[in-house]
């Protein structure tokens, strides 16, 4: 078994039914890597319970609009299956999916790895840009479960991969394909928005590299595309805190006031479609765009199982495997 390597794909997770929305949110708001509370051992669960109940109804509306469940596990499993297929040519690899806030969670995945006797483990977050709130949180939870289950391994972690050429080329190819669907596909006539998941400014101020890596990805893509009108913005802001700016909804309104009539949005921080791409960007912000006078609004799908993305992941895994 020592010659075999387990590959664990980290992702956020999402509720598999409308009844699961509130428990999913409870798991999210219980995360100490995102929500740091005074006396957390006393207050974290109460905070999570109150907030999940408060946020639950609005979140259920979003999930109901995209079929009553999150498609994230299905999309991630398709990525895992595609990666498993290409890794067969390189040795004995087995690919697992590990979700942070819904099933299959770290406790289940660690148990399976230990039962199968894996000593060579590579952790690959499906977050190209590192943040303590995503990659960091998933890694910390995985290692906590290893300690709880006395699973003594030293896994390799792919910390970030936002600058991998195949990944960026997949985005460029997707954008060039999507623009052909506009009535006037000339890039000089289409405003391109790269929308990233937001992050509270205070987390960035503590040294989180997410904003820097998002901007690095954006600048690389802008150079490759040479697009006349391109903007980086941030979505999914909640609560009264200051988040990374500009906010996507503000940019859409501003572009409408400036006379933009064709807009293409690319979800730059996401490689798997889920509620932030399918509901927030493609439903909520579409309504906003139409109200702002933008006549033709398109959201490019996330890469999901795009062959270029899978090739990028394959190369990352093989590079880490050489170091084990």
C-alpha atoms as a PDB file:
ATOM      1  CA  UNK A   1       0.000   0.000   0.000  1.00  0.00           C
ATOM      2  CA  UNK A   2       2.965   2.342   0.547  1.00  0.00           C
ATOM      3  CA  UNK A   3       3.358   2.709  -3.212  1.00  0.00           C
ATOM      4  CA  UNK A   4      -0.174   4.072  -3.527  1.00  0.00           C
ATOM      5  CA  UNK A   5      -0.972   7.745  -3.196  1.00  0.00           C
ATOM      6  CA  UNK A   6      -4.238   9.273  -2.007  1.00  0.00           C
ATOM      7  CA  UNK A   7      -5.246  12.615  -3.508  1.00  0.00           C
ATOM      8  CA  UNK A   8      -7.774  14.593  -1.476  1.00  0.00           C
ATOM      9  CA  UNK A   9      -9.659  17.384  -3.221  1.00  0.00           C
ATOM     10  CA  UNK A  10     -10.788  20.064  -0.772  1.00  0.00           C
ATOM     11  CA  UNK A  11     -13.909  22.092  -1.502  1.00  0.00           C
ATOM     12  CA  UNK A  12     -16.510  24.078   0.409  1.00  0.00           C
ATOM     13  CA  UNK A  13     -19.472  21.741   0.233  1.00  0.00           C
ATOM     14  CA  UNK A  14     -23.130  22.629  -0.058  1.00  0.00           C
ATOM     15  CA  UNK A  15     -26.525  21.445   1.204  1.00  0.00           C
ATOM     16  CA  UNK A  16     -27.983  18.440  -0.606  1.00  0.00           C
ATOM     17  CA  UNK A  17     -31.581  19.469   0.167  1.00  0.00           C
ATOM     18  CA  UNK A  18     -33.480  22.501   1.387  1.00  0.00           C
ATOM     19  CA  UNK A  19     -33.730  20.884   4.828  1.00  0.00           C
ATOM     20  CA  UNK A  20     -29.933  20.761   4.934  1.00  0.00           C
ATOM     21  CA  UNK A  21     -29.470  24.509   4.365  1.00  0.00           C
ATOM     22  CA  UNK A  22     -29.605  25.534   8.012  1.00  0.00           C
ATOM     23  CA  UNK A  23     -27.342  22.714   9.271  1.00  0.00           C
ATOM     24  CA  UNK A  24     -24.888  23.574   6.483  1.00  0.00           C
ATOM     25  CA  UNK A  25     -24.861  27.217   7.579  1.00  0.00           C
ATOM     26  CA  UNK A  26     -24.401  26.113  11.195  1.00  0.00           C
ATOM     27  CA  UNK A  27     -21.251  24.222  10.180  1.00  0.00           C
ATOM     28  CA  UNK A  28     -20.015  27.290   8.313  1.00  0.00           C
ATOM     29  CA  UNK A  29     -20.623  29.743  11.139  1.00  0.00           C
ATOM     30  CA  UNK A  30     -19.032  27.325  13.613  1.00  0.00           C
ATOM     31  CA  UNK A  31     -15.694  27.561  11.791  1.00  0.00           C
ATOM     32  CA  UNK A  32     -13.115  29.207  14.092  1.00  0.00           C
ATOM     33  CA  UNK A  33     -10.861  30.003  11.124  1.00  0.00           C
ATOM     34  CA  UNK A  34     -13.513  32.385   9.775  1.00  0.00           C
ATOM     35  CA  UNK A  35     -15.382  33.572  12.848  1.00  0.00           C
ATOM     36  CA  UNK A  36     -13.059  34.315  15.752  1.00  0.00           C
ATOM     37  CA  UNK A  37     -15.083  35.036  18.874  1.00  0.00           C
ATOM     38  CA  UNK A  38     -14.015  35.903  22.419  1.00  0.00           C
ATOM     39  CA  UNK A  39     -14.346  32.831  24.629  1.00  0.00           C
ATOM     40  CA  UNK A  40     -15.164  30.827  21.515  1.00  0.00           C
ATOM     41  CA  UNK A  41     -15.432  27.556  23.446  1.00  0.00           C
ATOM     42  CA  UNK A  42     -18.479  29.083  25.159  1.00  0.00           C
ATOM     43  CA  UNK A  43     -19.930  31.347  22.457  1.00  0.00           C
ATOM     44  CA  UNK A  44     -19.197  29.764  19.043  1.00  0.00           C
ATOM     45  CA  UNK A  45     -22.056  27.282  18.979  1.00  0.00           C
ATOM     46  CA  UNK A  46     -24.641  29.806  20.174  1.00  0.00           C
ATOM     47  CA  UNK A  47     -23.418  32.315  17.610  1.00  0.00           C
ATOM     48  CA  UNK A  48     -23.590  29.711  14.830  1.00  0.00           C
ATOM     49  CA  UNK A  49     -27.071  28.601  15.832  1.00  0.00           C
ATOM     50  CA  UNK A  50     -28.468  32.139  15.881  1.00  0.00           C
ATOM     51  CA  UNK A  51     -26.830  33.181  12.630  1.00  0.00           C
ATOM     52  CA  UNK A  52     -27.784  30.024  10.731  1.00  0.00           C
ATOM     53  CA  UNK A  53     -31.420  30.483  11.743  1.00  0.00           C
ATOM     54  CA  UNK A  54     -31.311  34.118  10.690  1.00  0.00           C
ATOM     55  CA  UNK A  55     -29.625  33.458   7.331  1.00  0.00           C
ATOM     56  CA  UNK A  56     -31.438  30.213   6.570  1.00  0.00           C
ATOM     57  CA  UNK A  57     -34.631  31.542   4.892  1.00  0.00           C
ATOM     58  CA  UNK A  58     -32.781  33.747   2.392  1.00  0.00           C
ATOM     59  CA  UNK A  59     -30.284  30.996   1.629  1.00  0.00           C
ATOM     60  CA  UNK A  60     -33.103  28.511   0.991  1.00  0.00           C
ATOM     61  CA  UNK A  61     -34.551  30.886  -1.615  1.00  0.00           C
ATOM     62  CA  UNK A  62     -31.269  30.776  -3.493  1.00  0.00           C
ATOM     63  CA  UNK A  63     -30.938  27.010  -3.382  1.00  0.00           C
ATOM     64  CA  UNK A  64     -34.597  26.574  -4.360  1.00  0.00           C
ATOM     65  CA  UNK A  65     -33.929  28.709  -7.446  1.00  0.00           C
ATOM     66  CA  UNK A  66     -31.174  26.348  -8.635  1.00  0.00           C
ATOM     67  CA  UNK A  67     -33.001  23.078  -8.071  1.00  0.00           C
ATOM     68  CA  UNK A  68     -33.344  22.732  -4.299  1.00  0.00           C
ATOM     69  CA  UNK A  69     -29.763  21.645  -3.624  1.00  0.00           C
ATOM     70  CA  UNK A  70     -26.176  22.595  -4.239  1.00  0.00           C
ATOM     71  CA  UNK A  71     -24.561  21.074  -7.350  1.00  0.00           C
ATOM     72  CA  UNK A  72     -21.098  21.497  -5.839  1.00  0.00           C
ATOM     73  CA  UNK A  73     -20.591  17.885  -4.775  1.00  0.00           C
ATOM     74  CA  UNK A  74     -21.631  16.585  -8.204  1.00  0.00           C
ATOM     75  CA  UNK A  75     -19.307  19.029  -9.947  1.00  0.00           C
ATOM     76  CA  UNK A  76     -16.420  18.245  -7.608  1.00  0.00           C
ATOM     77  CA  UNK A  77     -16.954  14.507  -8.021  1.00  0.00           C
ATOM     78  CA  UNK A  78     -16.808  14.929 -11.805  1.00  0.00           C
ATOM     79  CA  UNK A  79     -13.480  16.723 -11.367  1.00  0.00           C
ATOM     80  CA  UNK A  80     -12.269  13.916  -9.117  1.00  0.00           C
ATOM     81  CA  UNK A  81     -13.328  11.260 -11.636  1.00  0.00           C
ATOM     82  CA  UNK A  82     -11.592  13.087 -14.496  1.00  0.00           C
ATOM     83  CA  UNK A  83      -8.434  13.495 -12.429  1.00  0.00           C
ATOM     84  CA  UNK A  84      -8.534   9.826 -11.446  1.00  0.00           C
ATOM     85  CA  UNK A  85      -8.696   8.897 -15.111  1.00  0.00           C
ATOM     86  CA  UNK A  86      -5.633  10.897 -16.176  1.00  0.00           C
ATOM     87  CA  UNK A  87      -3.591   9.832 -13.141  1.00  0.00           C
ATOM     88  CA  UNK A  88      -3.955   6.167 -14.092  1.00  0.00           C
ATOM     89  CA  UNK A  89      -1.130   6.610 -16.569  1.00  0.00           C
ATOM     90  CA  UNK A  90       1.242   7.709 -13.805  1.00  0.00           C
ATOM     91  CA  UNK A  91       0.917   5.100 -11.073  1.00  0.00           C
ATOM     92  CA  UNK A  92      -1.375   4.032  -8.256  1.00  0.00           C
ATOM     93  CA  UNK A  93      -3.411   7.109  -7.322  1.00  0.00           C
ATOM     94  CA  UNK A  94      -6.847   7.263  -5.721  1.00  0.00           C
ATOM     95  CA  UNK A  95      -8.768  10.528  -5.635  1.00  0.00           C
ATOM     96  CA  UNK A  96     -11.093  11.465  -2.760  1.00  0.00           C
ATOM     97  CA  UNK A  97     -13.433  14.427  -2.259  1.00  0.00           C
ATOM     98  CA  UNK A  98     -13.440  16.187   1.115  1.00  0.00           C
ATOM     99  CA  UNK A  99     -15.932  18.973   1.814  1.00  0.00           C
ATOM    100  CA  UNK A 100     -15.479  21.494   4.584  1.00  0.00           C
ATOM    101  CA  UNK A 101     -19.082  22.139   5.652  1.00  0.00           C
ATOM    102  CA  UNK A 102     -21.130  19.250   4.245  1.00  0.00           C
ATOM    103  CA  UNK A 103     -20.707  15.614   3.342  1.00  0.00           C
ATOM    104  CA  UNK A 104     -18.297  13.982   2.826  1.00  0.00           C
ATOM    105  CA  UNK A 105     -16.507  15.852   5.603  1.00  0.00           C
ATOM    106  CA  UNK A 106     -13.002  15.426   6.978  1.00  0.00           C
ATOM    107  CA  UNK A 107     -13.964  12.899   9.658  1.00  0.00           C
ATOM    108  CA  UNK A 108     -15.358  10.501   7.041  1.00  0.00           C
ATOM    109  CA  UNK A 109     -12.493  10.983   4.584  1.00  0.00           C
ATOM    110  CA  UNK A 110      -9.756  10.576   7.204  1.00  0.00           C
ATOM    111  CA  UNK A 111     -11.448   7.393   8.410  1.00  0.00           C
ATOM    112  CA  UNK A 112     -11.456   5.978   4.872  1.00  0.00           C
ATOM    113  CA  UNK A 113      -7.818   6.868   4.279  1.00  0.00           C
ATOM    114  CA  UNK A 114      -6.719   5.312   7.566  1.00  0.00           C
ATOM    115  CA  UNK A 115      -8.765   2.172   6.942  1.00  0.00           C
ATOM    116  CA  UNK A 116      -7.137   1.751   3.526  1.00  0.00           C
ATOM    117  CA  UNK A 117      -3.678   2.250   4.961  1.00  0.00           C
ATOM    118  CA  UNK A 118      -2.548   5.284   2.983  1.00  0.00           C
ATOM    119  CA  UNK A 119       0.735   6.849   4.087  1.00  0.00           C
ATOM    120  CA  UNK A 120       1.257   8.987   0.980  1.00  0.00           C
ATOM    121  CA  UNK A 121      -1.412  11.704   0.916  1.00  0.00           C
ATOM    122  CA  UNK A 122      -1.609  14.853  -1.216  1.00  0.00           C
ATOM    123  CA  UNK A 123      -4.104  17.556  -0.288  1.00  0.00           C
ATOM    124  CA  UNK A 124      -5.258  19.615  -3.277  1.00  0.00           C
ATOM    125  CA  UNK A 125      -7.670  22.482  -2.511  1.00  0.00           C
ATOM    126  CA  UNK A 126      -9.940  23.500  -5.365  1.00  0.00           C
ATOM    127  CA  UNK A 127      -9.202  27.087  -4.405  1.00  0.00           C
ATOM    128  CA  UNK A 128      -6.515  28.480  -6.741  1.00  0.00           C
ATOM    129  CA  UNK A 129      -5.823  31.407  -4.412  1.00  0.00           C
ATOM    130  CA  UNK A 130      -4.875  30.747  -0.793  1.00  0.00           C
ATOM    131  CA  UNK A 131      -6.913  32.095   2.106  1.00  0.00           C
ATOM    132  CA  UNK A 132      -7.117  30.991   5.717  1.00  0.00           C
ATOM    133  CA  UNK A 133     -10.905  30.987   5.206  1.00  0.00           C
ATOM    134  CA  UNK A 134     -10.746  28.353   2.452  1.00  0.00           C
ATOM    135  CA  UNK A 135      -7.551  26.320   2.028  1.00  0.00           C
ATOM    136  CA  UNK A 136      -6.365  27.119   5.543  1.00  0.00           C
ATOM    137  CA  UNK A 137      -9.654  26.134   7.143  1.00  0.00           C
ATOM    138  CA  UNK A 138      -9.925  22.879   5.166  1.00  0.00           C
ATOM    139  CA  UNK A 139      -6.340  21.926   6.009  1.00  0.00           C
ATOM    140  CA  UNK A 140      -6.767  22.720   9.704  1.00  0.00           C
ATOM    141  CA  UNK A 141      -9.943  20.642   9.953  1.00  0.00           C
ATOM    142  CA  UNK A 142      -8.323  17.726   8.112  1.00  0.00           C
ATOM    143  CA  UNK A 143      -5.331  17.750  10.459  1.00  0.00           C
ATOM    144  CA  UNK A 144      -7.585  17.995  13.526  1.00  0.00           C
ATOM    145  CA  UNK A 145      -9.361  14.851  12.336  1.00  0.00           C
ATOM    146  CA  UNK A 146      -6.037  13.103  11.795  1.00  0.00           C
ATOM    147  CA  UNK A 147      -5.135  13.814  15.417  1.00  0.00           C
ATOM    148  CA  UNK A 148      -8.573  12.739  16.683  1.00  0.00           C
ATOM    149  CA  UNK A 149      -8.310   9.436  14.823  1.00  0.00           C
ATOM    150  CA  UNK A 150      -4.597   8.915  15.565  1.00  0.00           C
ATOM    151  CA  UNK A 151      -3.866   8.847  11.845  1.00  0.00           C
ATOM    152  CA  UNK A 152      -0.165   9.622  11.757  1.00  0.00           C
ATOM    153  CA  UNK A 153       0.702  11.033   8.371  1.00  0.00           C
ATOM    154  CA  UNK A 154       2.473  14.116   7.050  1.00  0.00           C
ATOM    155  CA  UNK A 155       0.392  15.017   3.996  1.00  0.00           C
ATOM    156  CA  UNK A 156       1.682  17.257   1.222  1.00  0.00           C
ATOM    157  CA  UNK A 157      -0.405  20.386   0.729  1.00  0.00           C
ATOM    158  CA  UNK A 158      -0.701  22.276  -2.547  1.00  0.00           C
ATOM    159  CA  UNK A 159      -0.978  25.702  -0.932  1.00  0.00           C
ATOM    160  CA  UNK A 160      -1.946  27.748  -4.016  1.00  0.00           C
ATOM    161  CA  UNK A 161      -1.930  27.412  -7.797  1.00  0.00           C
ATOM    162  CA  UNK A 162      -3.352  30.646  -9.160  1.00  0.00           C
ATOM    163  CA  UNK A 163      -0.451  31.143 -11.584  1.00  0.00           C
ATOM    164  CA  UNK A 164      -0.524  27.703 -13.249  1.00  0.00           C
ATOM    165  CA  UNK A 165      -0.528  28.264 -17.059  1.00  0.00           C
ATOM    166  CA  UNK A 166      -3.068  25.558 -17.966  1.00  0.00           C
ATOM    167  CA  UNK A 167      -5.526  26.924 -15.407  1.00  0.00           C
ATOM    168  CA  UNK A 168      -5.212  30.448 -16.753  1.00  0.00           C
ATOM    169  CA  UNK A 169      -5.380  29.286 -20.353  1.00  0.00           C
ATOM    170  CA  UNK A 170      -8.625  27.456 -19.602  1.00  0.00           C
ATOM    171  CA  UNK A 171     -10.125  30.733 -18.373  1.00  0.00           C
ATOM    172  CA  UNK A 172      -8.912  32.631 -21.440  1.00  0.00           C
ATOM    173  CA  UNK A 173     -10.367  29.994 -23.732  1.00  0.00           C
ATOM    174  CA  UNK A 174     -13.692  30.059 -21.887  1.00  0.00           C
ATOM    175  CA  UNK A 175     -13.990  33.832 -22.116  1.00  0.00           C
ATOM    176  CA  UNK A 176     -13.198  33.890 -25.821  1.00  0.00           C
ATOM    177  CA  UNK A 177     -15.819  31.207 -26.377  1.00  0.00           C
ATOM    178  CA  UNK A 178     -18.465  32.985 -24.300  1.00  0.00           C
ATOM    179  CA  UNK A 179     -18.093  36.349 -26.024  1.00  0.00           C
ATOM    180  CA  UNK A 180     -19.111  34.772 -29.321  1.00  0.00           C
ATOM    181  CA  UNK A 181     -22.634  34.454 -27.928  1.00  0.00           C
ATOM    182  CA  UNK A 182     -23.240  38.209 -27.818  1.00  0.00           C
ATOM    183  CA  UNK A 183     -25.135  40.008 -30.600  1.00  0.00           C
ATOM    184  CA  UNK A 184     -21.994  42.117 -31.106  1.00  0.00           C
ATOM    185  CA  UNK A 185     -19.053  39.883 -30.101  1.00  0.00           C
ATOM    186  CA  UNK A 186     -16.396  42.546 -30.641  1.00  0.00           C
ATOM    187  CA  UNK A 187     -14.466  42.750 -27.299  1.00  0.00           C
ATOM    188  CA  UNK A 188     -14.447  46.540 -27.619  1.00  0.00           C
ATOM    189  CA  UNK A 189     -18.238  46.359 -27.245  1.00  0.00           C
ATOM    190  CA  UNK A 190     -18.352  43.984 -24.243  1.00  0.00           C
ATOM    191  CA  UNK A 191     -17.518  44.952 -20.662  1.00  0.00           C
ATOM    192  CA  UNK A 192     -15.714  42.071 -18.914  1.00  0.00           C
ATOM    193  CA  UNK A 193     -16.046  41.663 -15.155  1.00  0.00           C
ATOM    194  CA  UNK A 194     -13.925  39.256 -13.129  1.00  0.00           C
ATOM    195  CA  UNK A 195     -15.965  38.618  -9.998  1.00  0.00           C
ATOM    196  CA  UNK A 196     -14.186  37.040  -7.033  1.00  0.00           C
ATOM    197  CA  UNK A 197     -15.629  35.891  -3.741  1.00  0.00           C
ATOM    198  CA  UNK A 198     -15.224  38.688  -1.234  1.00  0.00           C
ATOM    199  CA  UNK A 199     -13.346  38.639   2.043  1.00  0.00           C
ATOM    200  CA  UNK A 200     -13.627  40.952   5.064  1.00  0.00           C
ATOM    201  CA  UNK A 201     -10.947  43.626   4.846  1.00  0.00           C
ATOM    202  CA  UNK A 202      -9.797  42.875   8.392  1.00  0.00           C
ATOM    203  CA  UNK A 203      -8.743  39.355   7.349  1.00  0.00           C
ATOM    204  CA  UNK A 204      -6.626  40.796   4.544  1.00  0.00           C
ATOM    205  CA  UNK A 205      -5.179  43.347   6.942  1.00  0.00           C
ATOM    206  CA  UNK A 206      -4.006  40.489   9.163  1.00  0.00           C
ATOM    207  CA  UNK A 207      -1.834  39.246   6.296  1.00  0.00           C
ATOM    208  CA  UNK A 208      -4.104  36.891   4.351  1.00  0.00           C
ATOM    209  CA  UNK A 209      -2.654  36.667   0.783  1.00  0.00           C
ATOM    210  CA  UNK A 210      -5.983  36.103  -0.963  1.00  0.00           C
ATOM    211  CA  UNK A 211      -6.425  39.618  -2.358  1.00  0.00           C
ATOM    212  CA  UNK A 212      -2.842  39.731  -3.616  1.00  0.00           C
ATOM    213  CA  UNK A 213      -3.215  36.381  -5.385  1.00  0.00           C
ATOM    214  CA  UNK A 214      -6.605  37.285  -6.881  1.00  0.00           C
ATOM    215  CA  UNK A 215      -5.088  40.478  -8.262  1.00  0.00           C
ATOM    216  CA  UNK A 216      -2.113  38.534  -9.603  1.00  0.00           C
ATOM    217  CA  UNK A 217      -4.468  36.162 -11.436  1.00  0.00           C
ATOM    218  CA  UNK A 218      -6.469  39.102 -12.753  1.00  0.00           C
ATOM    219  CA  UNK A 219      -3.376  40.895 -14.061  1.00  0.00           C
ATOM    220  CA  UNK A 220      -2.122  37.727 -15.779  1.00  0.00           C
ATOM    221  CA  UNK A 221      -5.467  37.208 -17.489  1.00  0.00           C
ATOM    222  CA  UNK A 222      -5.770  40.839 -18.481  1.00  0.00           C
ATOM    223  CA  UNK A 223      -2.388  40.694 -20.202  1.00  0.00           C
ATOM    224  CA  UNK A 224      -3.291  37.508 -22.052  1.00  0.00           C
ATOM    225  CA  UNK A 225      -6.701  38.744 -23.171  1.00  0.00           C
ATOM    226  CA  UNK A 226      -5.766  42.355 -23.971  1.00  0.00           C
ATOM    227  CA  UNK A 227      -9.415  43.237 -23.314  1.00  0.00           C
ATOM    228  CA  UNK A 228     -10.289  46.956 -23.573  1.00  0.00           C
ATOM    229  CA  UNK A 229     -12.790  47.166 -20.677  1.00  0.00           C
ATOM    230  CA  UNK A 230     -12.010  44.768 -17.827  1.00  0.00           C
ATOM    231  CA  UNK A 231     -12.718  45.139 -14.100  1.00  0.00           C
ATOM    232  CA  UNK A 232     -11.930  43.124 -10.978  1.00  0.00           C
ATOM    233  CA  UNK A 233     -14.694  43.148  -8.356  1.00  0.00           C
ATOM    234  CA  UNK A 234     -15.917  41.169  -5.359  1.00  0.00           C
ATOM    235  CA  UNK A 235     -19.215  39.455  -4.553  1.00  0.00           C
ATOM    236  CA  UNK A 236     -20.966  37.624  -1.682  1.00  0.00           C
ATOM    237  CA  UNK A 237     -20.534  40.335   0.940  1.00  0.00           C
ATOM    238  CA  UNK A 238     -22.616  39.817   4.104  1.00  0.00           C
ATOM    239  CA  UNK A 239     -22.943  41.811   7.308  1.00  0.00           C
ATOM    240  CA  UNK A 240     -21.848  45.340   8.235  1.00  0.00           C
ATOM    241  CA  UNK A 241     -18.073  44.821   7.970  1.00  0.00           C
ATOM    242  CA  UNK A 242     -15.994  46.414   5.239  1.00  0.00           C
ATOM    243  CA  UNK A 243     -15.150  43.814   2.582  1.00  0.00           C
ATOM    244  CA  UNK A 244     -12.796  43.843  -0.379  1.00  0.00           C
ATOM    245  CA  UNK A 245     -13.903  46.417  -2.951  1.00  0.00           C
ATOM    246  CA  UNK A 246     -15.247  47.317  -5.437  1.00  0.00           C
ATOM    247  CA  UNK A 247     -18.407  45.315  -4.899  1.00  0.00           C
ATOM    248  CA  UNK A 248     -19.744  43.530  -7.978  1.00  0.00           C
ATOM    249  CA  UNK A 249     -23.225  45.004  -7.657  1.00  0.00           C
ATOM    250  CA  UNK A 250     -21.792  48.535  -7.525  1.00  0.00           C
ATOM    251  CA  UNK A 251     -19.696  47.935 -10.641  1.00  0.00           C
ATOM    252  CA  UNK A 252     -22.732  46.620 -12.544  1.00  0.00           C
ATOM    253  CA  UNK A 253     -24.733  49.747 -11.660  1.00  0.00           C
ATOM    254  CA  UNK A 254     -21.831  52.006 -12.618  1.00  0.00           C
ATOM    255  CA  UNK A 255     -21.336  50.271 -15.968  1.00  0.00           C
ATOM    256  CA  UNK A 256     -25.032  50.635 -16.701  1.00  0.00           C
ATOM    257  CA  UNK A 257     -24.858  54.365 -15.970  1.00  0.00           C
ATOM    258  CA  UNK A 258     -21.857  54.610 -18.289  1.00  0.00           C
ATOM    259  CA  UNK A 259     -23.877  53.174 -21.168  1.00  0.00           C
ATOM    260  CA  UNK A 260     -22.586  49.584 -21.211  1.00  0.00           C
ATOM    261  CA  UNK A 261     -25.095  47.371 -23.028  1.00  0.00           C
ATOM    262  CA  UNK A 262     -23.174  44.059 -23.167  1.00  0.00           C
ATOM    263  CA  UNK A 263     -21.517  42.501 -20.118  1.00  0.00           C
ATOM    264  CA  UNK A 264     -19.671  39.224 -19.602  1.00  0.00           C
ATOM    265  CA  UNK A 265     -18.959  38.095 -16.024  1.00  0.00           C
ATOM    266  CA  UNK A 266     -16.306  35.505 -15.189  1.00  0.00           C
ATOM    267  CA  UNK A 267     -16.219  33.935 -11.672  1.00  0.00           C
ATOM    268  CA  UNK A 268     -12.464  34.261 -11.219  1.00  0.00           C
ATOM    269  CA  UNK A 269     -12.193  32.658  -7.745  1.00  0.00           C
ATOM    270  CA  UNK A 270     -14.357  29.614  -8.484  1.00  0.00           C
ATOM    271  CA  UNK A 271     -13.506  26.457 -10.435  1.00  0.00           C
ATOM    272  CA  UNK A 272     -16.790  24.653  -9.644  1.00  0.00           C
ATOM    273  CA  UNK A 273     -20.288  26.003 -10.229  1.00  0.00           C
ATOM    274  CA  UNK A 274     -22.441  26.422  -7.135  1.00  0.00           C
ATOM    275  CA  UNK A 275     -24.842  28.930  -5.605  1.00  0.00           C
ATOM    276  CA  UNK A 276     -22.501  31.919  -5.917  1.00  0.00           C
ATOM    277  CA  UNK A 277     -22.208  31.432  -9.670  1.00  0.00           C
ATOM    278  CA  UNK A 278     -25.611  29.963 -10.523  1.00  0.00           C
ATOM    279  CA  UNK A 279     -27.818  32.057  -8.246  1.00  0.00           C
ATOM    280  CA  UNK A 280     -25.945  35.151  -7.114  1.00  0.00           C
ATOM    281  CA  UNK A 281     -24.205  35.969 -10.396  1.00  0.00           C
ATOM    282  CA  UNK A 282     -26.608  34.474 -12.920  1.00  0.00           C
ATOM    283  CA  UNK A 283     -29.962  35.266 -11.299  1.00  0.00           C
ATOM    284  CA  UNK A 284     -29.670  38.077  -8.734  1.00  0.00           C
ATOM    285  CA  UNK A 285     -27.064  40.127 -10.571  1.00  0.00           C
ATOM    286  CA  UNK A 286     -28.775  39.513 -13.900  1.00  0.00           C
ATOM    287  CA  UNK A 287     -31.852  41.267 -12.527  1.00  0.00           C
ATOM    288  CA  UNK A 288     -29.632  44.089 -11.340  1.00  0.00           C
ATOM    289  CA  UNK A 289     -27.944  44.367 -14.742  1.00  0.00           C
ATOM    290  CA  UNK A 290     -31.235  44.482 -16.627  1.00  0.00           C
ATOM    291  CA  UNK A 291     -32.482  47.175 -14.260  1.00  0.00           C
ATOM    292  CA  UNK A 292     -29.284  49.133 -14.898  1.00  0.00           C
ATOM    293  CA  UNK A 293     -29.931  49.112 -18.657  1.00  0.00           C
ATOM    294  CA  UNK A 294     -27.496  46.337 -19.616  1.00  0.00           C
ATOM    295  CA  UNK A 295     -29.351  44.579 -22.405  1.00  0.00           C
ATOM    296  CA  UNK A 296     -27.134  41.510 -22.818  1.00  0.00           C
ATOM    297  CA  UNK A 297     -25.673  39.947 -19.673  1.00  0.00           C
ATOM    298  CA  UNK A 298     -23.840  36.617 -19.623  1.00  0.00           C
ATOM    299  CA  UNK A 299     -22.094  34.657 -16.876  1.00  0.00           C
ATOM    300  CA  UNK A 300     -19.375  32.281 -18.001  1.00  0.00           C
ATOM    301  CA  UNK A 301     -19.601  28.898 -16.287  1.00  0.00           C
ATOM    302  CA  UNK A 302     -16.877  27.842 -13.889  1.00  0.00           C
ATOM    303  CA  UNK A 303     -14.290  25.492 -15.368  1.00  0.00           C
ATOM    304  CA  UNK A 304     -15.731  22.407 -13.660  1.00  0.00           C
ATOM    305  CA  UNK A 305     -14.215  19.390 -15.513  1.00  0.00           C
ATOM    306  CA  UNK A 306     -12.609  21.396 -18.328  1.00  0.00           C
ATOM    307  CA  UNK A 307      -9.722  19.276 -19.715  1.00  0.00           C
ATOM    308  CA  UNK A 308      -7.232  22.123 -19.299  1.00  0.00           C
ATOM    309  CA  UNK A 309      -8.141  22.472 -15.628  1.00  0.00           C
ATOM    310  CA  UNK A 310      -7.793  18.729 -15.127  1.00  0.00           C
ATOM    311  CA  UNK A 311      -4.396  18.857 -16.816  1.00  0.00           C
ATOM    312  CA  UNK A 312      -3.360  21.656 -14.444  1.00  0.00           C
ATOM    313  CA  UNK A 313      -4.431  19.571 -11.435  1.00  0.00           C
ATOM    314  CA  UNK A 314      -2.673  16.516 -12.831  1.00  0.00           C
ATOM    315  CA  UNK A 315       0.623  18.406 -13.096  1.00  0.00           C
ATOM    316  CA  UNK A 316       0.272  19.738  -9.553  1.00  0.00           C
ATOM    317  CA  UNK A 317      -0.270  16.227  -8.200  1.00  0.00           C
ATOM    318  CA  UNK A 318       2.638  14.721 -10.102  1.00  0.00           C
ATOM    319  CA  UNK A 319       4.981  17.469  -8.919  1.00  0.00           C
ATOM    320  CA  UNK A 320       3.997  16.857  -5.282  1.00  0.00           C
ATOM    321  CA  UNK A 321       4.204  13.076  -5.679  1.00  0.00           C
ATOM    322  CA  UNK A 322       7.880  13.357  -6.628  1.00  0.00           C
ATOM    323  CA  UNK A 323       8.566  14.980  -3.243  1.00  0.00           C
ATOM    324  CA  UNK A 324       6.863  12.315  -1.120  1.00  0.00           C
END
